[in-house]
Amino acid sequence: MQIRENLKKGTVEMVLLHLLQERAMYGYELLQEMKKRSNEKFVLKDGSMYPIMYRMIDKGLVTDEQVLVGRRRTRVYYHITDAGKAYLEEIKAEYFFITEGISNILNHQEESSCESPNKNENNI
């Protein structure tokens, strides 16, 4: 499980920004969308998501807005900024570049040769 958590840490900002690119969402909604779209393979605890959201707000990638729902309850909706959209494109490009490289490494197979290299029959 630790391996899975470490892999998620490197991609969670990208996933959150991707979802927010579609529309503004509140925290629980973001968590549910992640869970649903990943077929429950990319699941975050809310305690893990909010510090990441606060960091992205501090970086100017996301804004937050409190909206009154009902008579007394408020929800915090998160919106991606133009800087967040640009950053998303940048990290997606890096993600695809790195995953292609990893895939190349994992799928690489040496060509086998029947003869040994540099075999010269004159040098006995």
C-alpha atoms as a PDB file:
ATOM      1  CA  MET A   1       0.000   0.000   0.000  1.00  0.00           C
ATOM      2  CA  GLN A   2       2.869   2.400   0.691  1.00  0.00           C
ATOM      3  CA  ILE A   3       3.951   2.142  -2.951  1.00  0.00           C
ATOM      4  CA  ARG A   4       0.467   3.121  -4.126  1.00  0.00           C
ATOM      5  CA  GLU A   5       0.363   6.097  -1.751  1.00  0.00           C
ATOM      6  CA  ASN A   6       3.765   7.317  -2.936  1.00  0.00           C
ATOM      7  CA  LEU A   7       2.697   7.084  -6.579  1.00  0.00           C
ATOM      8  CA  LYS A   8      -0.531   8.995  -5.843  1.00  0.00           C
ATOM      9  CA  LYS A   9       1.349  11.811  -4.094  1.00  0.00           C
ATOM     10  CA  GLY A  10       3.147  12.661  -7.307  1.00  0.00           C
ATOM     11  CA  THR A  11      -0.042  12.935  -9.348  1.00  0.00           C
ATOM     12  CA  VAL A  12      -2.751  14.237  -7.033  1.00  0.00           C
ATOM     13  CA  GLU A  13      -2.314  17.920  -7.973  1.00  0.00           C
ATOM     14  CA  MET A  14      -2.669  17.010 -11.637  1.00  0.00           C
ATOM     15  CA  VAL A  15      -5.827  14.979 -10.981  1.00  0.00           C
ATOM     16  CA  LEU A  16      -7.439  17.704  -8.850  1.00  0.00           C
ATOM     17  CA  LEU A  17      -6.645  20.436 -11.373  1.00  0.00           C
ATOM     18  CA  HIS A  18      -7.948  18.276 -14.212  1.00  0.00           C
ATOM     19  CA  LEU A  19     -11.275  17.835 -12.445  1.00  0.00           C
ATOM     20  CA  LEU A  20     -11.506  21.539 -11.629  1.00  0.00           C
ATOM     21  CA  GLN A  21     -10.823  22.396 -15.260  1.00  0.00           C
ATOM     22  CA  GLU A  22     -14.247  20.950 -16.077  1.00  0.00           C
ATOM     23  CA  ARG A  23     -16.143  22.923 -13.426  1.00  0.00           C
ATOM     24  CA  ALA A  24     -15.899  24.358  -9.931  1.00  0.00           C
ATOM     25  CA  MET A  25     -16.406  21.708  -7.254  1.00  0.00           C
ATOM     26  CA  TYR A  26     -16.483  21.461  -3.481  1.00  0.00           C
ATOM     27  CA  GLY A  27     -14.205  19.103  -1.585  1.00  0.00           C
ATOM     28  CA  TYR A  28     -16.485  16.116  -1.101  1.00  0.00           C
ATOM     29  CA  GLU A  29     -17.551  16.349  -4.740  1.00  0.00           C
ATOM     30  CA  LEU A  30     -13.902  16.244  -5.864  1.00  0.00           C
ATOM     31  CA  LEU A  31     -13.268  13.144  -3.758  1.00  0.00           C
ATOM     32  CA  GLN A  32     -16.348  11.400  -5.141  1.00  0.00           C
ATOM     33  CA  GLU A  33     -15.461  12.260  -8.749  1.00  0.00           C
ATOM     34  CA  MET A  34     -11.951  10.866  -8.280  1.00  0.00           C
ATOM     35  CA  LYS A  35     -13.322   7.693  -6.766  1.00  0.00           C
ATOM     36  CA  LYS A  36     -15.977   7.236  -9.458  1.00  0.00           C
ATOM     37  CA  ARG A  37     -13.838   8.019 -12.505  1.00  0.00           C
ATOM     38  CA  SER A  38     -10.958   5.845 -11.317  1.00  0.00           C
ATOM     39  CA  ASN A  39     -13.241   2.891 -10.575  1.00  0.00           C
ATOM     40  CA  GLU A  40     -12.187   3.273  -6.944  1.00  0.00           C
ATOM     41  CA  LYS A  41      -8.482   2.898  -7.759  1.00  0.00           C
ATOM     42  CA  PHE A  42      -7.505   6.507  -7.017  1.00  0.00           C
ATOM     43  CA  VAL A  43      -9.083   7.337  -3.682  1.00  0.00           C
ATOM     44  CA  LEU A  44      -8.001  10.115  -1.321  1.00  0.00           C
ATOM     45  CA  LYS A  45      -8.996  10.780   2.234  1.00  0.00           C
ATOM     46  CA  ASP A  46     -10.367  14.272   2.780  1.00  0.00           C
ATOM     47  CA  GLY A  47      -7.637  14.865   5.356  1.00  0.00           C
ATOM     48  CA  SER A  48      -5.082  14.314   2.595  1.00  0.00           C
ATOM     49  CA  MET A  49      -6.783  16.474  -0.013  1.00  0.00           C
ATOM     50  CA  TYR A  50      -7.311  19.718   1.895  1.00  0.00           C
ATOM     51  CA  PRO A  51      -3.629  20.493   2.628  1.00  0.00           C
ATOM     52  CA  ILE A  52      -2.956  20.030  -1.089  1.00  0.00           C
ATOM     53  CA  MET A  53      -5.841  22.358  -1.963  1.00  0.00           C
ATOM     54  CA  TYR A  54      -4.511  24.986   0.476  1.00  0.00           C
ATOM     55  CA  ARG A  55      -1.032  24.762  -1.097  1.00  0.00           C
ATOM     56  CA  MET A  56      -2.539  25.193  -4.568  1.00  0.00           C
ATOM     57  CA  ILE A  57      -4.478  28.237  -3.330  1.00  0.00           C
ATOM     58  CA  ASP A  58      -1.256  29.696  -1.916  1.00  0.00           C
ATOM     59  CA  LYS A  59       0.461  29.102  -5.283  1.00  0.00           C
ATOM     60  CA  GLY A  60      -2.382  30.867  -7.125  1.00  0.00           C
ATOM     61  CA  LEU A  61      -3.435  27.742  -9.018  1.00  0.00           C
ATOM     62  CA  VAL A  62      -6.875  27.541  -7.396  1.00  0.00           C
ATOM     63  CA  THR A  63      -9.257  29.952  -5.698  1.00  0.00           C
ATOM     64  CA  ASP A  64     -11.854  29.114  -3.101  1.00  0.00           C
ATOM     65  CA  GLU A  65     -15.302  30.586  -2.569  1.00  0.00           C
ATOM     66  CA  GLN A  66     -17.691  29.980   0.292  1.00  0.00           C
ATOM     67  CA  VAL A  67     -21.256  29.542  -0.910  1.00  0.00           C
ATOM     68  CA  LEU A  68     -24.301  29.407   1.338  1.00  0.00           C
ATOM     69  CA  VAL A  69     -26.325  26.248   0.734  1.00  0.00           C
ATOM     70  CA  GLY A  70     -29.486  26.032   2.684  1.00  0.00           C
ATOM     71  CA  ARG A  71     -30.121  28.374   5.563  1.00  0.00           C
ATOM     72  CA  ARG A  72     -26.946  27.901   7.562  1.00  0.00           C
ATOM     73  CA  ARG A  73     -24.640  25.553   5.762  1.00  0.00           C
ATOM     74  CA  THR A  74     -21.796  26.715   3.540  1.00  0.00           C
ATOM     75  CA  ARG A  75     -19.697  24.862   1.014  1.00  0.00           C
ATOM     76  CA  VAL A  76     -16.290  25.866  -0.215  1.00  0.00           C
ATOM     77  CA  TYR A  77     -16.107  25.653  -3.987  1.00  0.00           C
ATOM     78  CA  TYR A  78     -12.726  25.483  -5.665  1.00  0.00           C
ATOM     79  CA  HIS A  79     -12.047  27.116  -9.040  1.00  0.00           C
ATOM     80  CA  ILE A  80      -9.007  26.643 -11.248  1.00  0.00           C
ATOM     81  CA  THR A  81      -7.220  29.869 -12.222  1.00  0.00           C
ATOM     82  CA  ASP A  82      -5.527  30.677 -15.520  1.00  0.00           C
ATOM     83  CA  ALA A  83      -2.202  29.971 -13.791  1.00  0.00           C
ATOM     84  CA  GLY A  84      -3.643  26.626 -12.669  1.00  0.00           C
ATOM     85  CA  LYS A  85      -4.647  25.764 -16.232  1.00  0.00           C
ATOM     86  CA  ALA A  86      -1.166  26.578 -17.501  1.00  0.00           C
ATOM     87  CA  TYR A  87       0.416  24.551 -14.697  1.00  0.00           C
ATOM     88  CA  LEU A  88      -1.910  21.636 -15.451  1.00  0.00           C
ATOM     89  CA  GLU A  89      -0.772  21.565 -19.078  1.00  0.00           C
ATOM     90  CA  GLU A  90       2.848  21.661 -17.939  1.00  0.00           C
ATOM     91  CA  ILE A  91       2.522  18.806 -15.439  1.00  0.00           C
ATOM     92  CA  LYS A  92       0.481  16.703 -17.876  1.00  0.00           C
ATOM     93  CA  ALA A  93       3.232  17.047 -20.474  1.00  0.00           C
ATOM     94  CA  GLU A  94       5.842  16.038 -17.885  1.00  0.00           C
ATOM     95  CA  TYR A  95       3.676  13.158 -16.665  1.00  0.00           C
ATOM     96  CA  PHE A  96       3.215  11.725 -20.167  1.00  0.00           C
ATOM     97  CA  PHE A  97       6.918  12.215 -20.966  1.00  0.00           C
ATOM     98  CA  ILE A  98       8.025  10.377 -17.805  1.00  0.00           C
ATOM     99  CA  THR A  99       5.438   7.587 -18.073  1.00  0.00           C
ATOM    100  CA  GLU A 100       6.461   6.992 -21.700  1.00  0.00           C
ATOM    101  CA  GLY A 101      10.077   6.724 -20.597  1.00  0.00           C
ATOM    102  CA  ILE A 102       9.192   4.321 -17.787  1.00  0.00           C
ATOM    103  CA  SER A 103       7.092   2.257 -20.177  1.00  0.00           C
ATOM    104  CA  ASN A 104       9.996   2.117 -22.629  1.00  0.00           C
ATOM    105  CA  ILE A 105      12.286   0.853 -19.882  1.00  0.00           C
ATOM    106  CA  LEU A 106       9.836  -1.738 -18.571  1.00  0.00           C
ATOM    107  CA  ASN A 107       8.979  -3.025 -22.046  1.00  0.00           C
ATOM    108  CA  HIS A 108      12.532  -3.006 -23.428  1.00  0.00           C
ATOM    109  CA  GLN A 109      13.856  -6.320 -24.653  1.00  0.00           C
ATOM    110  CA  GLU A 110      17.360  -6.881 -25.933  1.00  0.00           C
ATOM    111  CA  GLU A 111      17.592  -8.277 -29.424  1.00  0.00           C
ATOM    112  CA  SER A 112      18.994 -11.770 -29.227  1.00  0.00           C
ATOM    113  CA  SER A 113      21.625 -12.843 -31.646  1.00  0.00           C
ATOM    114  CA  CYS A 114      22.662 -16.381 -32.495  1.00  0.00           C
ATOM    115  CA  GLU A 115      26.276 -15.332 -32.972  1.00  0.00           C
ATOM    116  CA  SER A 116      28.400 -13.657 -30.372  1.00  0.00           C
ATOM    117  CA  PRO A 117      29.466 -10.116 -31.299  1.00  0.00           C
ATOM    118  CA  ASN A 118      32.926  -9.506 -32.771  1.00  0.00           C
ATOM    119  CA  LYS A 119      33.429 -13.171 -33.480  1.00  0.00           C
ATOM    120  CA  ASN A 120      36.256 -13.407 -35.936  1.00  0.00           C
ATOM    121  CA  GLU A 121      37.245 -16.874 -37.093  1.00  0.00           C
ATOM    122  CA  ASN A 122      40.695 -15.678 -38.156  1.00  0.00           C
ATOM    123  CA  ASN A 123      41.694 -14.887 -34.578  1.00  0.00           C
ATOM    124  CA  ILE A 124      41.968 -18.306 -32.964  1.00  0.00           C
END
